[in-house]
Amino acid sequence: MLVKTFGSAVYGVDAITITIEVNVSGGDLKYYIVGLPDNAVKESLQRIESAIKTNRFTWPRTKIVVNMAPADIKKSGSAFDLPIAIGVLGASEQLENSEKLSDYVMMGELSLDGTIAPIKGALPIAIQARKEGFKGLFVPTENAREAGMVNNLKVFAVKHLNDVVNYFKDENSLQPIVVNTRDEFFNSQQDAEFDFSDVKGQENIKRALEIAAAGGHNAILIGPPGAGKTMLAKRLPTILPPLSLQEALETTKIHSVAGKLPENSTLVSKRPFRSPHHTVSDVALVGGGGIPQPGEISLAHNGVLFLDELPEFKRTVLEVMRQPMEERRVTISRAKVAIDFPSNFMLIASMNPCPCGFFNHPVKECTCPAGSVQKYLNKISGPLLDRIDLHVEVTPVDFNELSEVKIGESSATIRERVIQARDIQTQRYKDFEGLYANAQINSKQLREICVIDKIGEALLKKAMERLNLSARAYDRILKVSRTIADLAASENIKPEHLAEAIQYRSLDREGWAG
């Protein structure tokens, strides 16, 4: 007898429905799985046989052929165990109402006793199932709330093979999961582990990060050990505008495909903050592998990628970020497939100013030999620095500021100003597709949007001559000054906005490193 069940394969951040045809027919005792399965899928028959026998069903002692269509797409992973097992039971006439199988998608890895283990990519699978008009979806209990966010689709949480079998006997044996996505999403947005009110002193660094958040600018913090660079960077997501539902859905899909969502979770409600170690590989950072998976830059989509001790990262690792930073997506190409992963993130980096860490320190003396400071900075390429708008020098906090009882400005207060500045930019760029922040404007748009008066021109010219700023600093200063003007709700860029922007170009100053 021939029976069709339906599963799903995840490619990139989207899913493709897979038709699983199981034919149990007369002949020698042989098992075949065809349709480009990988080893994990080929091994499934041993797990499925054990699960079926353990639960007192009969394993057919005849020829079994399992075809997975479309046959030209590689099927990988163990999540096809459940639809294959149900297909075998249906084809051997041990499943009641097997004609209803065409209404459902099912995915899950089977243990030898029939217990169903969690899977990756439940959210894109549910989205695709609804799109193709399926009535329901069976997923492991741990993934049910994630898949349950998709409306107009019945999502059933199953712990065991028998749960699915019993449902086809009696549809009342399982109730669909109900998730109030909007309420859960907006309620969970309010919780924050970190807050800028915890930071003592460092008012100029807070201001720089506020500007970075308001304009979507990349920033680098340069300062000695213990000055608070990491602490400040960790608090940046708390002043970014809240995720919209659409952004949350995009972010959740990426984390779902990567298997990074906690059990029983729903939408990712807070902006991601990813901080990979400096030993990270190229593939781990940008994504890839035999079965392409999202890397750190995609897991930071709609959030912050923090690279601590930037010069310690391998140069090749840093260079592969350059194109994704410009295009806000990364394409992983293989011989037969090319997969796009979104990677729209803010880059925040930190570094010591020299190998010993005390160059330009107000108290401690730098012990590095001549030329080593410049050599240390040269580990970061010019093209990468060219994509970083704000260079911020972080100085140590003195005792008086540390011992102050006064509580600093909260993240919520700063966030309000950031949101107001972003609203101005949203209106400004409403006619530009894919453009929503000052940091993203190109050279042509820069000339139209970042117009300065004669006084501002003279100030910028004088600053570039006196500080020996490089040519690449010019555009960055204009973009940052436009954001500072937006924070001040000013229609025009004023000289004071330019003056503040100029001070955020430390690494462009000729002779900065001696």
Protein backbone atom coordinates (compact mmCIF):
# COMPACT_ATOMS: atom_id res chain seq x y z
CA MET A 1 0.00 0.00 0.00
CA LEU A 2 1.23 3.52 -0.83
CA VAL A 3 0.83 6.37 1.69
CA LYS A 4 1.98 10.00 1.53
CA THR A 5 3.02 12.05 4.55
CA PHE A 6 4.50 15.54 4.61
CA GLY A 7 7.59 16.96 6.29
CA SER A 8 9.68 20.05 5.74
CA ALA A 9 13.33 20.89 4.98
CA VAL A 10 14.89 24.20 6.08
CA TYR A 11 17.15 26.06 3.64
CA GLY A 12 18.53 29.37 4.82
CA VAL A 13 15.73 30.94 6.88
CA ASP A 14 12.89 29.45 4.80
CA ALA A 15 11.35 25.99 4.58
CA ILE A 16 10.43 23.72 1.67
CA THR A 17 7.66 21.13 2.03
CA ILE A 18 8.88 17.58 1.44
CA THR A 19 6.48 14.84 0.28
CA ILE A 20 7.37 11.47 1.83
CA GLU A 21 5.94 8.52 -0.09
CA VAL A 22 6.06 5.17 1.70
CA ASN A 23 5.25 2.01 -0.23
CA VAL A 24 4.99 -1.34 1.59
CA SER A 25 4.73 -4.09 -1.03
CA GLY A 26 5.35 -7.80 -1.46
CA GLY A 27 8.84 -9.09 -2.10
CA ASP A 28 12.11 -9.66 -0.29
CA LEU A 29 12.80 -8.02 3.04
CA LYS A 30 14.63 -4.90 1.87
CA TYR A 31 14.51 -1.25 2.88
CA TYR A 32 15.20 1.67 0.58
CA ILE A 33 15.25 5.44 1.20
CA VAL A 34 15.61 7.47 -2.00
CA GLY A 35 15.41 11.19 -2.82
CA LEU A 36 18.90 12.44 -1.93
CA PRO A 37 18.92 11.63 1.83
CA ASP A 38 22.05 12.19 3.95
CA ASN A 39 23.41 9.64 6.43
CA ALA A 40 21.21 10.86 9.29
CA VAL A 41 18.10 10.21 7.16
CA LYS A 42 19.39 6.83 5.94
CA GLU A 43 19.95 5.70 9.53
CA SER A 44 16.39 6.63 10.47
CA LEU A 45 14.97 3.21 9.53
CA GLN A 46 16.83 1.58 12.44
CA ARG A 47 15.43 4.13 14.90
CA ILE A 48 11.95 3.90 13.38
CA GLU A 49 11.93 0.08 13.46
CA SER A 50 12.86 0.06 17.13
CA ALA A 51 10.26 2.73 18.00
CA ILE A 52 7.50 0.85 16.15
CA LYS A 53 8.33 -2.52 17.72
CA THR A 54 8.73 -1.06 21.23
CA ASN A 55 5.19 0.32 21.04
CA ARG A 56 3.69 -3.03 20.00
CA PHE A 57 3.15 -2.23 16.36
CA THR A 58 4.27 -4.61 13.64
CA TRP A 59 7.27 -3.85 11.46
CA PRO A 60 6.45 -5.00 7.90
CA ARG A 61 8.51 -8.04 6.87
CA THR A 62 8.34 -7.06 3.23
CA LYS A 63 9.93 -4.56 0.85
CA ILE A 64 9.71 -0.93 2.04
CA VAL A 65 10.49 1.98 -0.28
CA VAL A 66 10.59 5.54 1.07
CA ASN A 67 10.78 8.33 -1.53
CA MET A 68 11.42 11.93 -0.46
CA ALA A 69 10.35 14.47 -3.07
CA PRO A 70 11.48 16.73 -4.62
CA ALA A 71 14.31 14.30 -5.25
CA ASP A 72 16.88 16.91 -6.32
CA ILE A 73 16.97 18.65 -2.91
CA LYS A 74 19.24 17.17 -0.28
CA LYS A 75 17.39 15.97 2.83
CA SER A 76 19.42 16.21 6.03
CA GLY A 77 18.96 15.67 9.74
CA SER A 78 16.96 13.30 11.90
CA ALA A 79 13.72 15.31 12.02
CA PHE A 80 12.17 13.20 9.21
CA ASP A 81 11.87 10.20 11.57
CA LEU A 82 8.28 11.01 12.57
CA PRO A 83 6.71 11.42 9.09
CA ILE A 84 8.53 8.29 7.84
CA ALA A 85 7.35 6.26 10.86
CA ILE A 86 3.74 7.41 10.42
CA GLY A 87 4.04 6.64 6.70
CA VAL A 88 5.19 3.07 7.45
CA LEU A 89 2.29 2.56 9.88
CA GLY A 90 -0.17 3.98 7.35
CA ALA A 91 1.20 1.92 4.44
CA SER A 92 1.05 -1.27 6.54
CA GLU A 93 -2.59 -0.48 7.52
CA GLN A 94 -1.85 -0.01 11.23
CA LEU A 95 -2.98 3.63 11.28
CA GLU A 96 -6.64 4.59 11.32
CA ASN A 97 -7.90 7.33 8.98
CA SER A 98 -4.62 7.43 7.08
CA GLU A 99 -6.40 9.32 4.28
CA LYS A 100 -6.27 12.41 6.55
CA LEU A 101 -2.47 12.45 6.49
CA SER A 102 -2.50 14.81 3.52
CA ASP A 103 -3.84 17.59 5.79
CA TYR A 104 -0.85 17.63 8.13
CA VAL A 105 2.87 18.34 8.24
CA MET A 106 4.87 16.51 10.93
CA MET A 107 8.48 16.69 12.06
CA GLY A 108 10.41 15.12 14.93
CA GLU A 109 13.35 12.89 15.79
CA LEU A 110 12.39 9.53 17.29
CA SER A 111 14.14 7.86 20.19
CA LEU A 112 14.23 4.07 20.25
CA ASP A 113 11.24 4.01 22.62
CA GLY A 114 9.16 6.36 20.45
CA THR A 115 9.84 9.57 22.40
CA ILE A 116 10.03 12.62 20.13
CA ALA A 117 13.09 14.90 20.47
CA PRO A 118 13.12 18.64 19.55
CA ILE A 119 14.03 19.95 16.09
CA LYS A 120 15.50 23.11 14.52
CA GLY A 121 13.55 25.56 12.37
CA ALA A 122 10.02 24.98 13.73
CA LEU A 123 8.97 28.57 12.99
CA PRO A 124 9.83 28.65 9.24
CA ILE A 125 8.30 25.16 8.94
CA ALA A 126 5.04 26.42 10.46
CA ILE A 127 5.02 29.52 8.22
CA GLN A 128 5.45 27.36 5.11
CA ALA A 129 2.76 24.88 6.25
CA ARG A 130 0.24 27.70 6.65
CA LYS A 131 1.29 29.19 3.31
CA GLU A 132 0.57 25.89 1.53
CA GLY A 133 -2.81 25.47 3.20
CA PHE A 134 -2.18 22.52 5.53
CA LYS A 135 -4.70 22.03 8.31
CA GLY A 136 -2.22 21.29 11.08
CA LEU A 137 1.38 20.70 12.16
CA PHE A 138 2.78 18.12 14.58
CA VAL A 139 6.01 19.21 16.31
CA PRO A 140 7.84 18.15 19.50
CA THR A 141 6.51 19.72 22.70
CA GLU A 142 9.67 21.81 23.13
CA ASN A 143 9.04 23.52 19.76
CA ALA A 144 5.26 23.88 20.01
CA ARG A 145 5.09 27.43 21.39
CA GLU A 146 7.57 28.60 18.76
CA ALA A 147 5.47 27.13 15.93
CA GLY A 148 2.24 28.18 17.66
CA MET A 149 2.98 31.85 16.93
CA VAL A 150 1.74 31.24 13.38
CA ASN A 151 -1.99 31.91 13.22
CA ASN A 152 -4.56 30.06 11.06
CA LEU A 153 -2.66 26.80 11.59
CA LYS A 154 -3.36 24.15 14.23
CA VAL A 155 -0.09 23.30 15.97
CA PHE A 156 -0.05 20.12 18.06
CA ALA A 157 2.60 19.42 20.69
CA VAL A 158 3.56 15.73 20.71
CA LYS A 159 5.87 13.93 23.13
CA HIS A 160 5.58 10.40 21.76
CA LEU A 161 4.85 8.50 18.56
CA ASN A 162 1.62 7.23 20.17
CA ASP A 163 0.32 10.81 20.52
CA VAL A 164 0.19 11.13 16.72
CA VAL A 165 -1.26 7.62 16.21
CA ASN A 166 -3.99 8.28 18.80
CA TYR A 167 -4.89 11.61 17.17
CA PHE A 168 -5.84 9.84 13.94
CA LYS A 169 -8.04 7.50 15.99
CA ASP A 170 -9.64 10.37 17.91
CA GLU A 171 -9.02 14.00 16.97
CA ASN A 172 -10.04 15.11 20.47
CA SER A 173 -7.02 13.38 22.01
CA LEU A 174 -4.85 16.44 21.24
CA GLN A 175 -5.67 20.12 21.52
CA PRO A 176 -3.83 22.74 19.46
CA ILE A 177 -1.43 25.09 21.20
CA VAL A 178 -2.76 28.63 21.68
CA VAL A 179 -0.17 31.44 21.86
CA ASN A 180 -1.11 35.09 22.26
CA THR A 181 1.88 36.34 20.32
CA ARG A 182 1.29 40.09 20.60
CA ASP A 183 0.68 40.11 24.38
CA GLU A 184 3.69 37.90 25.12
CA PHE A 185 5.88 39.90 22.76
CA PHE A 186 5.05 43.34 24.19
CA ASN A 187 5.12 42.17 27.82
CA SER A 188 8.57 40.60 27.50
CA GLN A 189 10.03 43.74 25.90
CA GLN A 190 10.03 45.54 29.23
CA ASP A 191 12.53 43.29 31.01
CA ALA A 192 16.14 44.46 30.81
CA GLU A 193 19.12 42.86 32.50
CA PHE A 194 21.36 45.91 32.10
CA ASP A 195 20.75 49.65 32.38
CA PHE A 196 22.81 52.77 31.72
CA SER A 197 21.88 54.03 35.20
CA ASP A 198 24.38 51.47 36.58
CA VAL A 199 27.28 53.25 34.84
CA LYS A 200 29.29 55.70 36.95
CA GLY A 201 30.75 58.65 35.06
CA GLN A 202 31.63 58.16 31.37
CA GLU A 203 29.06 60.74 30.27
CA ASN A 204 30.90 61.40 26.99
CA ILE A 205 30.89 57.67 26.13
CA LYS A 206 27.17 57.39 26.90
CA ARG A 207 26.59 60.34 24.60
CA ALA A 208 28.61 58.69 21.81
CA LEU A 209 26.63 55.44 22.14
CA GLU A 210 23.38 57.42 22.11
CA ILE A 211 24.45 58.97 18.79
CA ALA A 212 25.42 55.52 17.46
CA ALA A 213 22.01 54.11 18.43
CA ALA A 214 20.12 57.09 16.99
CA GLY A 215 21.77 56.87 13.56
CA GLY A 216 22.57 53.14 13.35
CA HIS A 217 26.29 53.97 13.30
CA ASN A 218 29.08 51.48 13.89
CA ALA A 219 31.45 52.47 16.71
CA ILE A 220 34.79 51.49 18.19
CA LEU A 221 35.74 52.12 21.83
CA ILE A 222 39.46 52.63 22.47
CA GLY A 223 40.78 52.66 26.02
CA PRO A 224 42.89 50.97 28.69
CA PRO A 225 41.87 47.75 30.49
CA GLY A 226 39.14 48.24 33.10
CA ALA A 227 37.86 51.55 31.69
CA GLY A 228 34.38 50.09 31.12
CA LYS A 229 34.33 49.42 27.36
CA THR A 230 32.60 46.02 27.60
CA MET A 231 30.19 47.20 30.29
CA LEU A 232 29.08 50.12 28.12
CA ALA A 233 28.75 48.00 24.97
CA LYS A 234 26.51 45.47 26.76
CA ARG A 235 24.07 48.25 27.59
CA LEU A 236 23.75 49.53 24.02
CA PRO A 237 20.77 47.26 23.09
CA THR A 238 18.78 48.79 25.98
CA ILE A 239 18.72 52.20 24.24
CA LEU A 240 17.96 50.96 20.74
CA PRO A 241 14.33 51.28 19.55
CA PRO A 242 12.20 48.22 20.47
CA LEU A 243 11.89 45.49 17.88
CA SER A 244 8.83 45.68 15.68
CA LEU A 245 6.81 42.48 15.22
CA GLN A 246 8.23 42.08 11.70
CA GLU A 247 11.81 42.47 12.95
CA ALA A 248 11.13 40.06 15.80
CA LEU A 249 9.80 37.46 13.35
CA GLU A 250 12.90 37.78 11.11
CA THR A 251 15.21 37.47 14.11
CA THR A 252 13.32 34.50 15.56
CA LYS A 253 13.49 32.62 12.24
CA ILE A 254 17.27 32.94 12.16
CA HIS A 255 17.66 31.78 15.77
CA SER A 256 15.19 28.94 15.15
CA VAL A 257 17.14 27.66 12.13
CA ALA A 258 20.39 27.83 14.13
CA GLY A 259 18.81 25.96 17.07
CA LYS A 260 19.52 28.90 19.42
CA LEU A 261 15.99 29.40 20.78
CA PRO A 262 15.38 28.24 24.38
CA GLU A 263 12.82 25.48 24.92
CA ASN A 264 9.16 26.58 24.99
CA SER A 265 10.08 30.06 23.75
CA THR A 266 8.11 32.25 21.36
CA LEU A 267 9.28 35.40 19.57
CA VAL A 268 12.66 36.96 20.26
CA SER A 269 11.48 40.17 21.90
CA LYS A 270 14.79 41.94 22.60
CA ARG A 271 17.47 43.03 20.17
CA PRO A 272 20.20 40.37 19.95
CA PHE A 273 23.62 41.05 21.44
CA ARG A 274 26.28 38.67 20.08
CA SER A 275 29.82 38.72 21.41
CA PRO A 276 31.96 36.01 19.75
CA HIS A 277 35.41 35.21 21.17
CA HIS A 278 38.41 36.47 19.18
CA THR A 279 39.31 32.88 18.23
CA VAL A 280 36.12 32.63 16.10
CA SER A 281 36.59 31.20 12.59
CA ASP A 282 35.49 32.76 9.28
CA VAL A 283 32.61 30.28 8.91
CA ALA A 284 31.41 30.73 12.50
CA LEU A 285 31.31 34.50 12.01
CA VAL A 286 29.63 34.82 8.59
CA GLY A 287 27.93 31.41 8.34
CA GLY A 288 28.42 28.36 6.15
CA GLY A 289 29.37 24.73 6.63
CA GLY A 290 28.41 21.62 4.66
CA ILE A 291 24.77 22.36 5.46
CA PRO A 292 24.86 26.19 5.48
CA GLN A 293 23.97 27.62 8.89
CA PRO A 294 23.74 31.28 9.96
CA GLY A 295 26.85 32.75 11.57
CA GLU A 296 27.31 35.34 14.30
CA ILE A 297 26.63 38.27 11.96
CA SER A 298 23.22 36.80 11.09
CA LEU A 299 22.43 35.90 14.71
CA ALA A 300 23.07 39.60 15.44
CA HIS A 301 20.51 40.64 12.76
CA ASN A 302 18.46 43.62 14.00
CA GLY A 303 20.79 43.86 17.00
CA VAL A 304 24.40 44.40 18.02
CA LEU A 305 27.57 42.48 17.14
CA PHE A 306 30.23 43.22 19.75
CA LEU A 307 33.84 42.37 18.92
CA ASP A 308 35.91 42.72 22.09
CA GLU A 309 39.67 43.24 21.64
CA LEU A 310 39.30 43.82 17.90
CA PRO A 311 43.02 43.58 16.95
CA GLU A 312 43.17 40.05 18.44
CA PHE A 313 40.75 38.71 15.80
CA LYS A 314 42.37 37.08 12.78
CA ARG A 315 42.62 39.54 9.91
CA THR A 316 40.89 37.14 7.49
CA VAL A 317 37.94 36.87 9.89
CA LEU A 318 37.50 40.64 10.04
CA GLU A 319 37.85 41.09 6.29
CA VAL A 320 34.97 38.72 5.46
CA MET A 321 32.62 41.08 7.33
CA ARG A 322 33.20 43.98 4.97
CA GLN A 323 30.71 43.02 2.25
CA PRO A 324 27.90 41.92 4.63
CA MET A 325 28.27 45.23 6.50
CA GLU A 326 27.59 47.11 3.26
CA GLU A 327 24.85 44.87 1.83
CA ARG A 328 23.23 43.93 5.17
CA ARG A 329 23.02 40.30 4.08
CA VAL A 330 25.46 37.47 3.38
CA THR A 331 25.24 34.90 0.57
CA ILE A 332 26.65 31.43 1.24
CA SER A 333 27.34 29.78 -2.14
CA ARG A 334 27.82 26.07 -2.73
CA ALA A 335 28.08 24.06 -5.95
CA LYS A 336 24.32 23.38 -6.13
CA VAL A 337 22.80 26.04 -3.90
CA ALA A 338 23.22 29.67 -2.82
CA ILE A 339 21.56 30.69 0.46
CA ASP A 340 21.00 34.23 1.73
CA PHE A 341 21.08 35.06 5.43
CA PRO A 342 20.10 38.55 6.66
CA SER A 343 22.85 40.40 8.55
CA ASN A 344 21.65 43.91 9.33
CA PHE A 345 23.56 44.64 12.54
CA MET A 346 25.32 47.44 14.38
CA LEU A 347 29.01 46.75 14.89
CA ILE A 348 30.47 47.82 18.23
CA ALA A 349 34.15 47.02 18.73
CA SER A 350 36.56 47.64 21.57
CA MET A 351 40.32 47.64 21.75
CA ASN A 352 43.27 48.65 23.88
CA PRO A 353 45.27 51.53 22.37
CA CYS A 354 48.49 49.48 22.41
CA PRO A 355 49.79 46.01 23.39
CA CYS A 356 50.36 46.99 27.04
CA GLY A 357 47.06 48.91 27.11
CA PHE A 358 48.24 52.21 28.60
CA PHE A 359 49.05 54.45 25.62
CA ASN A 360 47.55 57.92 26.28
CA HIS A 361 46.67 56.84 29.87
CA PRO A 362 46.38 59.85 32.21
CA VAL A 363 48.36 58.17 35.03
CA LYS A 364 50.12 54.98 33.93
CA GLU A 365 52.99 55.04 31.50
CA CYS A 366 53.01 53.04 28.25
CA THR A 367 55.82 50.48 28.20
CA CYS A 368 55.55 49.52 24.54
CA PRO A 369 58.67 49.94 22.36
CA ALA A 370 58.76 52.53 19.59
CA GLY A 371 56.58 51.66 16.61
CA SER A 372 54.61 48.91 18.39
CA VAL A 373 51.54 51.10 18.88
CA GLN A 374 51.21 51.76 15.16
CA LYS A 375 51.92 48.09 14.43
CA TYR A 376 49.15 47.11 16.85
CA LEU A 377 46.64 49.46 15.18
CA ASN A 378 47.67 48.22 11.74
CA LYS A 379 46.15 44.83 12.60
CA ILE A 380 42.83 46.47 11.71
CA SER A 381 42.60 47.24 7.99
CA GLY A 382 41.73 50.65 6.61
CA PRO A 383 38.67 49.38 4.68
CA LEU A 384 37.20 47.98 7.90
CA LEU A 385 37.87 51.17 9.85
CA ASP A 386 36.28 53.03 6.93
CA ARG A 387 32.98 51.34 7.84
CA ILE A 388 33.14 52.52 11.47
CA ASP A 389 31.66 55.98 11.96
CA LEU A 390 32.54 56.74 15.58
CA HIS A 391 35.99 56.33 17.16
CA VAL A 392 35.54 56.94 20.88
CA GLU A 393 38.36 57.25 23.39
CA VAL A 394 37.42 55.76 26.78
CA THR A 395 39.32 57.07 29.81
CA PRO A 396 39.35 55.43 33.26
CA VAL A 397 36.78 56.61 35.83
CA ASP A 398 38.31 58.39 38.82
CA PHE A 399 37.51 57.55 42.44
CA ASN A 400 35.16 60.51 43.01
CA GLU A 401 32.87 59.44 40.16
CA LEU A 402 32.95 55.78 41.22
CA SER A 403 31.98 56.60 44.81
CA GLU A 404 29.14 58.95 43.81
CA VAL A 405 25.75 57.93 45.20
CA LYS A 406 23.93 59.80 42.42
CA ILE A 407 22.16 57.48 39.94
CA GLY A 408 22.85 58.19 36.28
CA GLU A 409 20.36 58.64 33.46
CA SER A 410 18.35 55.48 32.77
CA SER A 411 18.30 53.53 29.52
CA ALA A 412 14.56 54.26 29.17
CA THR A 413 15.18 58.02 29.15
CA ILE A 414 17.96 57.76 26.58
CA ARG A 415 15.88 55.40 24.47
CA GLU A 416 13.08 57.97 24.21
CA ARG A 417 15.47 60.44 22.61
CA VAL A 418 16.80 57.74 20.27
CA ILE A 419 13.27 56.79 19.19
CA GLN A 420 12.42 60.43 18.45
CA ALA A 421 15.56 60.78 16.29
CA ARG A 422 14.75 57.53 14.46
CA ASP A 423 11.20 58.77 13.79
CA ILE A 424 12.67 61.85 12.08
CA GLN A 425 14.85 59.58 9.91
CA THR A 426 11.91 57.30 9.10
CA GLN A 427 10.04 60.28 7.68
CA ARG A 428 13.11 61.54 5.82
CA TYR A 429 13.79 58.21 4.12
CA LYS A 430 10.22 57.02 3.58
CA ASP A 431 10.66 57.18 -0.21
CA PHE A 432 13.94 55.21 -0.15
CA GLU A 433 13.45 51.46 -0.11
CA GLY A 434 15.54 49.64 2.52
CA LEU A 435 16.90 52.90 3.97
CA TYR A 436 15.92 53.88 7.48
CA ALA A 437 18.98 55.35 9.27
CA ASN A 438 21.61 58.02 8.61
CA ALA A 439 24.43 55.47 8.66
CA GLN A 440 23.07 53.81 5.50
CA ILE A 441 23.04 56.77 3.12
CA ASN A 442 25.38 56.69 0.12
CA SER A 443 27.63 59.46 -1.23
CA LYS A 444 24.97 60.90 -3.58
CA GLN A 445 22.32 61.04 -0.85
CA LEU A 446 24.90 62.52 1.52
CA ARG A 447 25.28 65.64 -0.63
CA GLU A 448 21.51 66.16 -0.69
CA ILE A 449 20.73 65.38 2.95
CA CYS A 450 23.81 66.55 4.90
CA VAL A 451 23.98 70.17 3.73
CA ILE A 452 26.11 72.53 5.84
CA ASP A 453 26.33 76.33 5.80
CA LYS A 454 29.41 78.47 5.15
CA ILE A 455 30.38 78.62 8.84
CA GLY A 456 30.13 74.83 9.08
CA GLU A 457 32.20 74.43 5.92
CA ALA A 458 34.93 76.67 7.31
CA LEU A 459 34.90 74.77 10.61
CA LEU A 460 35.17 71.38 8.89
CA LYS A 461 37.97 72.59 6.62
CA LYS A 462 39.91 74.00 9.57
CA ALA A 463 39.45 70.78 11.57
CA MET A 464 40.65 68.58 8.74
CA GLU A 465 43.73 70.74 8.23
CA ARG A 466 44.62 71.20 11.89
CA LEU A 467 43.94 67.62 13.01
CA ASN A 468 45.25 66.13 9.75
CA LEU A 469 42.04 64.15 9.33
CA SER A 470 41.99 61.73 6.42
CA ALA A 471 39.67 62.17 3.44
CA ARG A 472 37.50 59.24 4.50
CA ALA A 473 36.67 61.09 7.73
CA TYR A 474 34.74 63.76 5.77
CA ASP A 475 31.68 61.65 4.90
CA ARG A 476 31.59 60.04 8.34
CA ILE A 477 31.62 63.39 10.09
CA LEU A 478 28.70 64.61 7.95
CA LYS A 479 26.63 61.48 8.67
CA VAL A 480 27.27 61.67 12.41
CA SER A 481 26.55 65.40 12.49
CA ARG A 482 23.22 64.73 10.74
CA THR A 483 22.33 62.28 13.54
CA ILE A 484 23.38 64.77 16.23
CA ALA A 485 21.12 67.36 14.56
CA ASP A 486 18.25 64.82 14.58
CA LEU A 487 18.77 64.22 18.31
CA ALA A 488 18.50 67.98 18.79
CA ALA A 489 15.39 68.03 16.53
CA SER A 490 17.20 70.48 14.27
CA GLU A 491 16.30 70.64 10.60
CA ASN A 492 19.75 71.93 9.65
CA ILE A 493 23.23 70.79 10.60
CA LYS A 494 24.70 73.54 12.78
CA PRO A 495 28.38 74.25 13.52
CA GLU A 496 28.03 72.83 17.06
CA HIS A 497 26.76 69.54 15.59
CA LEU A 498 29.79 69.39 13.30
CA ALA A 499 32.14 70.23 16.16
CA GLU A 500 30.81 67.33 18.23
CA ALA A 501 31.03 64.92 15.28
CA ILE A 502 34.66 65.88 14.58
CA GLN A 503 35.82 64.69 18.00
CA TYR A 504 34.63 61.13 17.20
CA ARG A 505 37.36 60.52 14.58
CA SER A 506 40.32 59.68 16.85
CA LEU A 507 41.89 57.01 14.66
CA ASP A 508 41.80 59.25 11.59
CA ARG A 509 44.09 61.81 13.15
CA GLU A 510 47.48 61.68 11.55
CA GLY A 511 50.09 60.85 14.16
CA TRP A 512 47.49 59.65 16.71
CA ALA A 513 49.63 56.58 17.45
CA GLY A 514 52.91 58.47 17.50
